[in-house]
């Protein structure tokens, strides 16, 4: 059993879970790219929630 409370998108490749919570501070948006975001959001079967302080 692996709780996986906090994993990087790289570490989550190939894993599938029911719900995904993504924390993306605005200060790190320039460090992410579409491929990394896709890996993060595509891990969830039922729901994905993205938390950030910048709507745009």
C-alpha atoms as a PDB file:
ATOM      1  CA  UNK A   1       0.000   0.000   0.000  1.00  0.00           C
ATOM      2  CA  UNK A   2       1.372   3.411  -1.015  1.00  0.00           C
ATOM      3  CA  UNK A   3      -0.476   6.465   0.218  1.00  0.00           C
ATOM      4  CA  UNK A   4       1.166   8.722  -2.377  1.00  0.00           C
ATOM      5  CA  UNK A   5       0.216  11.931  -0.602  1.00  0.00           C
ATOM      6  CA  UNK A   6       2.754  13.880  -2.606  1.00  0.00           C
ATOM      7  CA  UNK A   7       4.320  12.693  -5.855  1.00  0.00           C
ATOM      8  CA  UNK A   8       5.918  14.585  -8.702  1.00  0.00           C
ATOM      9  CA  UNK A   9       4.302  14.266 -12.125  1.00  0.00           C
ATOM     10  CA  UNK A  10       7.403  12.359 -13.211  1.00  0.00           C
ATOM     11  CA  UNK A  11       6.936   9.818 -10.409  1.00  0.00           C
ATOM     12  CA  UNK A  12       3.234   9.437 -11.237  1.00  0.00           C
ATOM     13  CA  UNK A  13       3.746   8.342 -14.852  1.00  0.00           C
ATOM     14  CA  UNK A  14       2.065   4.998 -15.427  1.00  0.00           C
ATOM     15  CA  UNK A  15      -0.065   5.224 -12.278  1.00  0.00           C
ATOM     16  CA  UNK A  16      -3.826   5.702 -12.195  1.00  0.00           C
ATOM     17  CA  UNK A  17      -5.854   6.819  -9.192  1.00  0.00           C
ATOM     18  CA  UNK A  18      -9.470   7.832  -8.579  1.00  0.00           C
ATOM     19  CA  UNK A  19      -8.800  11.486  -7.714  1.00  0.00           C
ATOM     20  CA  UNK A  20      -5.903  13.811  -8.471  1.00  0.00           C
ATOM     21  CA  UNK A  21      -5.105  17.029  -6.616  1.00  0.00           C
ATOM     22  CA  UNK A  22      -2.597  19.315  -8.336  1.00  0.00           C
ATOM     23  CA  UNK A  23      -0.980  22.270  -6.586  1.00  0.00           C
ATOM     24  CA  UNK A  24       0.583  24.715  -9.036  1.00  0.00           C
ATOM     25  CA  UNK A  25       1.750  28.012  -7.512  1.00  0.00           C
ATOM     26  CA  UNK A  26       1.883  30.881 -10.004  1.00  0.00           C
ATOM     27  CA  UNK A  27       5.587  31.293  -9.291  1.00  0.00           C
ATOM     28  CA  UNK A  28       6.250  27.829 -10.792  1.00  0.00           C
ATOM     29  CA  UNK A  29       4.060  28.126 -13.899  1.00  0.00           C
ATOM     30  CA  UNK A  30       7.045  28.983 -16.080  1.00  0.00           C
ATOM     31  CA  UNK A  31       8.719  25.726 -15.033  1.00  0.00           C
ATOM     32  CA  UNK A  32       5.853  23.556 -16.293  1.00  0.00           C
ATOM     33  CA  UNK A  33       4.949  22.638 -19.853  1.00  0.00           C
ATOM     34  CA  UNK A  34       1.938  21.044 -21.614  1.00  0.00           C
ATOM     35  CA  UNK A  35       3.457  17.548 -21.470  1.00  0.00           C
ATOM     36  CA  UNK A  36       4.036  17.751 -17.701  1.00  0.00           C
ATOM     37  CA  UNK A  37       0.500  19.072 -17.156  1.00  0.00           C
ATOM     38  CA  UNK A  38      -0.956  16.264 -19.288  1.00  0.00           C
ATOM     39  CA  UNK A  39       0.857  13.625 -17.227  1.00  0.00           C
ATOM     40  CA  UNK A  40      -0.513  15.180 -14.039  1.00  0.00           C
ATOM     41  CA  UNK A  41      -4.161  15.510 -15.099  1.00  0.00           C
ATOM     42  CA  UNK A  42      -4.389  12.212 -16.965  1.00  0.00           C
ATOM     43  CA  UNK A  43      -3.705  10.115 -13.836  1.00  0.00           C
ATOM     44  CA  UNK A  44      -7.254  10.522 -12.461  1.00  0.00           C
ATOM     45  CA  UNK A  45     -10.172   8.227 -13.295  1.00  0.00           C
ATOM     46  CA  UNK A  46     -12.943  10.212 -11.612  1.00  0.00           C
ATOM     47  CA  UNK A  47     -11.762  13.735 -10.812  1.00  0.00           C
ATOM     48  CA  UNK A  48      -8.920  16.221 -11.161  1.00  0.00           C
ATOM     49  CA  UNK A  49      -8.677  19.414  -9.098  1.00  0.00           C
ATOM     50  CA  UNK A  50      -6.051  22.078  -9.800  1.00  0.00           C
ATOM     51  CA  UNK A  51      -5.187  24.556  -7.038  1.00  0.00           C
ATOM     52  CA  UNK A  52      -3.440  27.847  -7.862  1.00  0.00           C
ATOM     53  CA  UNK A  53      -3.664  31.430  -6.677  1.00  0.00           C
ATOM     54  CA  UNK A  54      -3.735  32.787 -10.256  1.00  0.00           C
ATOM     55  CA  UNK A  55      -6.877  32.057 -12.331  1.00  0.00           C
ATOM     56  CA  UNK A  56      -5.319  33.095 -15.621  1.00  0.00           C
END
